[in-house]
Amino acid sequence: MFIAYKITPFLADIFLPSKDQIKSNNNPTFFDKIADKYVKILSYLLKYKHRQKIFLVTVFSILFITFLFPLFRIVHFRMLPS
């Protein structure tokens, strides 16, 4: 879930048009306010290359650690039913 909330917006920033290209509404809604807070957080993370690298290394490190859970039997891994 962490990847869905962090990596997807990072990639969307690359492929989607900027906010200047989209017409904006003068009356912000509740979701617009949440989106603005989210943009502030992401812009802080993505403003500098150094922060981007730290962020991506952290995400992939956490992903790698979770892949090790079945190996160390932290979680029970069963692909086929018995």
Protein backbone atom coordinates (compact mmCIF):
# COMPACT_ATOMS: atom_id res chain seq x y z
CA MET A 1 0.00 0.00 0.00
CA PHE A 2 2.93 2.29 0.68
CA ILE A 3 4.05 1.86 -2.91
CA ALA A 4 0.57 2.72 -4.18
CA TYR A 5 0.53 5.98 -2.26
CA LYS A 6 4.12 7.03 -2.91
CA ILE A 7 5.50 5.52 -6.13
CA THR A 8 2.35 5.99 -8.24
CA PRO A 9 2.20 9.78 -7.69
CA PHE A 10 5.92 9.99 -8.36
CA LEU A 11 5.43 8.30 -11.75
CA ALA A 12 2.22 10.25 -12.43
CA ASP A 13 4.15 13.48 -12.01
CA ILE A 14 6.33 12.40 -14.89
CA PHE A 15 3.55 11.33 -17.27
CA LEU A 16 0.54 13.53 -16.47
CA PRO A 17 0.11 17.19 -17.47
CA SER A 18 0.92 19.86 -14.93
CA LYS A 19 -1.68 21.73 -12.91
CA ASP A 20 -1.18 24.84 -15.06
CA GLN A 21 -2.46 22.96 -18.09
CA ILE A 22 -5.67 21.93 -16.34
CA LYS A 23 -8.40 24.49 -15.60
CA SER A 24 -8.83 24.95 -11.88
CA ASN A 25 -12.02 25.58 -9.92
CA ASN A 26 -12.22 28.73 -7.76
CA ASN A 27 -14.15 27.00 -4.95
CA PRO A 28 -11.90 24.35 -3.40
CA THR A 29 -13.67 21.29 -2.07
CA PHE A 30 -12.67 19.04 0.81
CA PHE A 31 -10.83 16.75 -1.60
CA ASP A 32 -9.01 19.70 -3.15
CA LYS A 33 -7.69 20.65 0.28
CA ILE A 34 -6.50 17.09 0.88
CA ALA A 35 -4.91 17.03 -2.57
CA ASP A 36 -3.09 20.29 -1.85
CA LYS A 37 -1.63 18.88 1.38
CA TYR A 38 -0.61 15.74 -0.50
CA VAL A 39 1.07 17.84 -3.20
CA LYS A 40 3.02 19.72 -0.55
CA ILE A 41 4.29 16.48 0.95
CA LEU A 42 5.23 15.03 -2.42
CA SER A 43 6.84 18.23 -3.64
CA TYR A 44 8.99 18.23 -0.50
CA LEU A 45 10.10 14.67 -1.28
CA LEU A 46 10.58 15.17 -5.00
CA LYS A 47 12.11 18.65 -5.15
CA TYR A 48 15.73 17.53 -4.99
CA LYS A 49 17.41 14.51 -6.57
CA HIS A 50 19.00 13.57 -3.25
CA ARG A 51 15.59 13.29 -1.55
CA GLN A 52 14.25 11.31 -4.51
CA LYS A 53 17.07 8.80 -4.25
CA ILE A 54 16.65 8.43 -0.50
CA PHE A 55 12.92 7.99 -0.95
CA LEU A 56 13.27 5.31 -3.66
CA VAL A 57 15.99 3.44 -1.75
CA THR A 58 13.76 3.45 1.33
CA VAL A 59 10.75 2.16 -0.61
CA PHE A 60 12.67 -0.63 -2.30
CA SER A 61 14.43 -1.57 0.94
CA ILE A 62 11.09 -1.95 2.71
CA LEU A 63 9.79 -3.97 -0.24
CA PHE A 64 12.84 -6.25 -0.13
CA ILE A 65 12.46 -6.75 3.62
CA THR A 66 8.80 -7.74 3.20
CA PHE A 67 9.82 -10.28 0.56
CA LEU A 68 12.08 -11.86 3.18
CA PHE A 69 9.20 -12.42 5.64
CA PRO A 70 8.24 -15.87 4.26
CA LEU A 71 11.90 -16.93 4.16
CA PHE A 72 12.34 -16.23 7.86
CA ARG A 73 8.86 -17.59 8.63
CA ILE A 74 7.61 -14.30 9.99
CA VAL A 75 4.45 -14.89 7.96
CA HIS A 76 3.03 -18.21 6.84
CA PHE A 77 3.37 -18.53 3.06
CA ARG A 78 1.13 -21.01 1.29
CA MET A 79 0.49 -20.83 -2.46
CA LEU A 80 -1.57 -23.98 -2.92
CA PRO A 81 -4.36 -25.22 -0.68
CA SER A 82 -3.79 -28.52 1.12
